[in-house]
């Protein structure tokens, strides 16, 4: 396995996840589809054919 190529592929994937996720969070808040002053977020990372199930949860202030 080429470690550099693997590292770059992972970074590219994470960048895409980060950018698209931020856009979706901003859209949902902008369209007033989030109720209250805080937004509970959960991101689940899975990899098909593996036991990977990584969950990250957080709350952000949206007012």
N, C-alpha and C. Protein backbone atom coordinates (compact mmCIF):
# COMPACT_ATOMS: atom_id res chain seq x y z
N UNK A 1 0.85 -1.18 0.00
CA UNK A 1 0.00 0.00 0.00
C UNK A 1 0.89 1.24 0.00
N UNK A 2 0.55 2.19 -0.84
CA UNK A 2 1.26 3.46 -0.91
C UNK A 2 0.67 4.38 0.16
N UNK A 3 1.40 4.57 1.25
CA UNK A 3 0.93 5.37 2.39
C UNK A 3 0.57 6.79 1.99
N UNK A 4 1.37 7.41 1.15
CA UNK A 4 1.09 8.79 0.73
C UNK A 4 -0.20 8.88 -0.06
N UNK A 5 -0.41 7.97 -0.98
CA UNK A 5 -1.63 7.97 -1.78
C UNK A 5 -2.85 7.71 -0.90
N UNK A 6 -2.71 6.77 0.04
CA UNK A 6 -3.80 6.46 0.96
C UNK A 6 -4.14 7.67 1.81
N UNK A 7 -3.12 8.32 2.35
CA UNK A 7 -3.31 9.50 3.19
C UNK A 7 -4.02 10.60 2.40
N UNK A 8 -3.62 10.83 1.17
CA UNK A 8 -4.25 11.86 0.34
C UNK A 8 -5.70 11.51 0.03
N UNK A 9 -5.98 10.23 -0.21
CA UNK A 9 -7.35 9.81 -0.50
C UNK A 9 -8.25 10.02 0.72
N UNK A 10 -7.74 9.70 1.90
CA UNK A 10 -8.51 9.90 3.13
C UNK A 10 -8.75 11.39 3.35
N UNK A 11 -7.72 12.20 3.18
CA UNK A 11 -7.86 13.65 3.36
C UNK A 11 -8.87 14.24 2.36
N UNK A 12 -8.85 13.78 1.14
CA UNK A 12 -9.78 14.26 0.12
C UNK A 12 -11.21 13.91 0.52
N UNK A 13 -11.41 12.68 0.98
CA UNK A 13 -12.74 12.26 1.43
C UNK A 13 -13.21 13.11 2.61
N UNK A 14 -12.34 13.32 3.60
CA UNK A 14 -12.72 14.10 4.78
C UNK A 14 -13.00 15.56 4.43
N UNK A 15 -12.26 16.10 3.48
CA UNK A 15 -12.52 17.47 3.04
C UNK A 15 -13.89 17.57 2.40
N UNK A 16 -14.22 16.61 1.55
CA UNK A 16 -15.54 16.60 0.91
C UNK A 16 -16.65 16.47 1.95
N UNK A 17 -16.47 15.59 2.92
CA UNK A 17 -17.45 15.42 3.99
C UNK A 17 -17.61 16.73 4.76
N UNK A 18 -16.50 17.36 5.10
CA UNK A 18 -16.55 18.60 5.88
C UNK A 18 -17.24 19.73 5.14
N UNK A 19 -16.87 19.93 3.89
CA UNK A 19 -17.43 21.03 3.11
C UNK A 19 -18.92 20.80 2.85
N UNK A 20 -19.29 19.61 2.42
CA UNK A 20 -20.70 19.36 2.11
C UNK A 20 -21.55 19.35 3.38
N UNK A 21 -21.00 18.85 4.47
CA UNK A 21 -21.74 18.84 5.74
C UNK A 21 -21.99 20.26 6.24
N UNK A 22 -20.98 21.11 6.16
CA UNK A 22 -21.15 22.50 6.58
C UNK A 22 -22.23 23.18 5.75
N UNK A 23 -22.23 22.96 4.46
CA UNK A 23 -23.25 23.56 3.59
C UNK A 23 -24.65 23.10 3.98
N UNK A 24 -24.79 21.83 4.27
CA UNK A 24 -26.11 21.30 4.64
C UNK A 24 -26.57 21.84 5.99
N UNK A 25 -25.66 21.96 6.94
CA UNK A 25 -26.02 22.53 8.25
C UNK A 25 -26.44 23.98 8.08
N UNK A 26 -25.68 24.74 7.32
CA UNK A 26 -26.02 26.15 7.07
C UNK A 26 -27.37 26.27 6.36
N UNK A 27 -27.63 25.40 5.40
CA UNK A 27 -28.89 25.44 4.66
C UNK A 27 -30.07 25.18 5.59
N UNK A 28 -29.97 24.16 6.42
CA UNK A 28 -31.09 23.80 7.29
C UNK A 28 -31.37 24.90 8.30
N UNK A 29 -30.32 25.57 8.77
CA UNK A 29 -30.50 26.68 9.71
C UNK A 29 -31.07 27.89 8.98
N UNK A 30 -30.54 28.19 7.81
CA UNK A 30 -30.99 29.34 7.02
C UNK A 30 -32.46 29.21 6.63
N UNK A 31 -32.90 28.00 6.32
CA UNK A 31 -34.28 27.77 5.93
C UNK A 31 -35.20 27.62 7.14
N UNK A 32 -34.65 27.87 8.32
CA UNK A 32 -35.42 27.83 9.58
C UNK A 32 -36.09 26.49 9.82
N UNK A 33 -35.42 25.44 9.43
CA UNK A 33 -35.95 24.10 9.65
C UNK A 33 -35.41 23.49 10.94
N UNK A 34 -34.62 24.27 11.68
CA UNK A 34 -34.09 23.82 12.96
C UNK A 34 -34.87 24.56 14.05
N UNK A 35 -35.40 23.81 15.01
CA UNK A 35 -36.16 24.46 16.07
C UNK A 35 -35.26 24.68 17.29
N UNK A 36 -35.50 25.79 17.98
CA UNK A 36 -34.73 26.09 19.17
C UNK A 36 -33.44 26.82 18.86
N UNK A 37 -32.65 27.02 19.93
CA UNK A 37 -31.40 27.76 19.81
C UNK A 37 -30.18 26.86 19.61
N UNK A 38 -30.38 25.56 19.74
CA UNK A 38 -29.26 24.63 19.60
C UNK A 38 -29.62 23.55 18.60
N UNK A 39 -28.61 23.11 17.89
CA UNK A 39 -28.80 22.05 16.90
C UNK A 39 -27.97 20.85 17.33
N UNK A 40 -28.64 19.73 17.54
CA UNK A 40 -27.94 18.50 17.90
C UNK A 40 -27.50 17.81 16.61
N UNK A 41 -26.23 17.55 16.52
CA UNK A 41 -25.67 16.94 15.31
C UNK A 41 -25.09 15.56 15.63
N UNK A 42 -25.20 14.68 14.64
CA UNK A 42 -24.60 13.35 14.77
C UNK A 42 -24.06 12.96 13.40
N UNK A 43 -22.83 12.56 13.36
CA UNK A 43 -22.21 12.08 12.12
C UNK A 43 -21.79 10.63 12.36
N UNK A 44 -22.20 9.76 11.47
CA UNK A 44 -21.84 8.35 11.58
C UNK A 44 -21.00 7.97 10.37
N UNK A 45 -19.84 7.44 10.64
CA UNK A 45 -18.94 6.98 9.58
C UNK A 45 -18.96 5.46 9.55
N UNK A 46 -19.29 4.93 8.38
CA UNK A 46 -19.25 3.48 8.19
C UNK A 46 -18.43 3.19 6.93
N UNK A 47 -17.97 1.99 6.84
CA UNK A 47 -17.25 1.55 5.64
C UNK A 47 -17.81 0.19 5.26
N UNK A 48 -18.42 0.16 4.10
CA UNK A 48 -19.07 -1.06 3.64
C UNK A 48 -18.12 -2.25 3.70
N UNK A 49 -18.63 -3.34 4.25
CA UNK A 49 -17.85 -4.57 4.33
C UNK A 49 -16.88 -4.61 5.50
N UNK A 50 -16.96 -3.61 6.40
CA UNK A 50 -16.10 -3.59 7.58
C UNK A 50 -16.97 -3.35 8.82
N UNK A 51 -16.41 -3.57 10.01
CA UNK A 51 -17.17 -3.29 11.23
C UNK A 51 -17.10 -1.82 11.65
N UNK A 52 -16.56 -0.96 10.81
CA UNK A 52 -16.42 0.46 11.18
C UNK A 52 -17.79 1.09 11.42
N UNK A 53 -17.94 1.69 12.58
CA UNK A 53 -19.15 2.44 12.95
C UNK A 53 -18.72 3.50 13.95
N UNK A 54 -18.22 4.61 13.44
CA UNK A 54 -17.68 5.70 14.27
C UNK A 54 -18.71 6.81 14.33
N UNK A 55 -19.14 7.19 15.55
CA UNK A 55 -20.18 8.20 15.72
C UNK A 55 -19.58 9.40 16.45
N UNK A 56 -19.85 10.59 15.91
CA UNK A 56 -19.44 11.85 16.55
C UNK A 56 -20.72 12.64 16.77
N UNK A 57 -20.93 13.10 18.01
CA UNK A 57 -22.11 13.88 18.34
C UNK A 57 -21.68 15.20 18.95
N UNK A 58 -22.48 16.23 18.66
CA UNK A 58 -22.20 17.56 19.19
C UNK A 58 -23.45 18.39 19.14
N UNK A 59 -23.45 19.50 19.87
CA UNK A 59 -24.52 20.48 19.80
C UNK A 59 -23.88 21.82 19.46
N UNK A 60 -24.55 22.57 18.58
CA UNK A 60 -24.05 23.90 18.24
C UNK A 60 -25.15 24.92 18.46
N UNK A 61 -24.73 26.11 18.81
CA UNK A 61 -25.63 27.24 19.02
C UNK A 61 -25.98 27.81 17.66
N UNK A 62 -27.28 27.99 17.38
CA UNK A 62 -27.70 28.48 16.07
C UNK A 62 -28.42 29.83 16.12
N UNK A 63 -28.46 30.47 17.26
CA UNK A 63 -29.16 31.78 17.30
C UNK A 63 -28.22 32.93 17.07
